[in-house]
């Protein structure tokens, strides 16, 4: 039987730099968090797209 890992649980929106990538953790409805890893260039493109949407 595989080992059971504890869930990381809910938490606030979190952004951190890990090595050469940017990791974004977004809380989701119903529990848990969506984790996205991207480069600095991709983060810039995402920031532009979000700014235009707002």
C-alpha atoms as a PDB file:
ATOM      1  CA  UNK A   1       0.000   0.000   0.000  1.00  0.00           C
ATOM      2  CA  UNK A   2       1.282   3.462  -0.868  1.00  0.00           C
ATOM      3  CA  UNK A   3       2.158   5.874   1.900  1.00  0.00           C
ATOM      4  CA  UNK A   4      -0.463   8.491   2.662  1.00  0.00           C
ATOM      5  CA  UNK A   5       0.817  12.059   2.367  1.00  0.00           C
ATOM      6  CA  UNK A   6      -0.954  14.801   4.310  1.00  0.00           C
ATOM      7  CA  UNK A   7      -2.808  17.393   2.244  1.00  0.00           C
ATOM      8  CA  UNK A   8      -1.250  20.815   2.234  1.00  0.00           C
ATOM      9  CA  UNK A   9      -4.656  22.286   3.008  1.00  0.00           C
ATOM     10  CA  UNK A  10      -6.088  25.617   2.113  1.00  0.00           C
ATOM     11  CA  UNK A  11      -4.113  28.785   2.363  1.00  0.00           C
ATOM     12  CA  UNK A  12      -3.831  32.267   0.979  1.00  0.00           C
ATOM     13  CA  UNK A  13      -2.635  33.083  -2.522  1.00  0.00           C
ATOM     14  CA  UNK A  14       1.110  32.503  -2.414  1.00  0.00           C
ATOM     15  CA  UNK A  15       3.871  33.347  -4.903  1.00  0.00           C
ATOM     16  CA  UNK A  16       7.494  32.339  -4.416  1.00  0.00           C
ATOM     17  CA  UNK A  17      10.696  32.129  -6.412  1.00  0.00           C
ATOM     18  CA  UNK A  18      12.165  28.635  -6.336  1.00  0.00           C
ATOM     19  CA  UNK A  19      15.405  28.367  -8.243  1.00  0.00           C
ATOM     20  CA  UNK A  20      14.860  29.759 -11.733  1.00  0.00           C
ATOM     21  CA  UNK A  21      11.058  29.466 -11.679  1.00  0.00           C
ATOM     22  CA  UNK A  22       8.127  31.265 -10.100  1.00  0.00           C
ATOM     23  CA  UNK A  23       5.617  29.102  -8.238  1.00  0.00           C
ATOM     24  CA  UNK A  24       2.043  30.346  -7.735  1.00  0.00           C
ATOM     25  CA  UNK A  25      -0.297  28.591  -5.300  1.00  0.00           C
ATOM     26  CA  UNK A  26      -3.958  29.548  -5.751  1.00  0.00           C
ATOM     27  CA  UNK A  27      -6.645  28.401  -3.281  1.00  0.00           C
ATOM     28  CA  UNK A  28      -9.502  26.592  -5.020  1.00  0.00           C
ATOM     29  CA  UNK A  29     -13.166  26.365  -4.226  1.00  0.00           C
ATOM     30  CA  UNK A  30     -13.889  23.148  -2.379  1.00  0.00           C
ATOM     31  CA  UNK A  31     -10.438  22.916  -0.791  1.00  0.00           C
ATOM     32  CA  UNK A  32      -6.884  22.441  -1.897  1.00  0.00           C
ATOM     33  CA  UNK A  33      -4.690  24.693  -3.979  1.00  0.00           C
ATOM     34  CA  UNK A  34      -3.797  24.895  -7.649  1.00  0.00           C
ATOM     35  CA  UNK A  35      -0.008  25.027  -8.063  1.00  0.00           C
ATOM     36  CA  UNK A  36       1.468  26.561 -11.215  1.00  0.00           C
ATOM     37  CA  UNK A  37       5.182  26.753 -12.007  1.00  0.00           C
ATOM     38  CA  UNK A  38       6.338  29.208 -14.688  1.00  0.00           C
ATOM     39  CA  UNK A  39       9.332  31.119 -15.965  1.00  0.00           C
ATOM     40  CA  UNK A  40       9.808  34.861 -15.407  1.00  0.00           C
ATOM     41  CA  UNK A  41       8.846  35.489 -19.050  1.00  0.00           C
ATOM     42  CA  UNK A  42       5.615  33.506 -18.673  1.00  0.00           C
ATOM     43  CA  UNK A  43       4.831  35.372 -15.443  1.00  0.00           C
ATOM     44  CA  UNK A  44       5.242  38.687 -17.267  1.00  0.00           C
ATOM     45  CA  UNK A  45       2.897  37.560 -20.037  1.00  0.00           C
ATOM     46  CA  UNK A  46       0.363  36.425 -17.438  1.00  0.00           C
ATOM     47  CA  UNK A  47       0.615  39.781 -15.644  1.00  0.00           C
ATOM     48  CA  UNK A  48      -0.086  41.614 -18.937  1.00  0.00           C
ATOM     49  CA  UNK A  49      -3.081  39.403 -19.724  1.00  0.00           C
ATOM     50  CA  UNK A  50      -4.530  39.876 -16.226  1.00  0.00           C
ATOM     51  CA  UNK A  51      -4.005  43.651 -16.381  1.00  0.00           C
ATOM     52  CA  UNK A  52      -5.893  43.817 -19.684  1.00  0.00           C
ATOM     53  CA  UNK A  53      -8.738  41.738 -18.267  1.00  0.00           C
ATOM     54  CA  UNK A  54      -9.120  44.026 -15.270  1.00  0.00           C
END
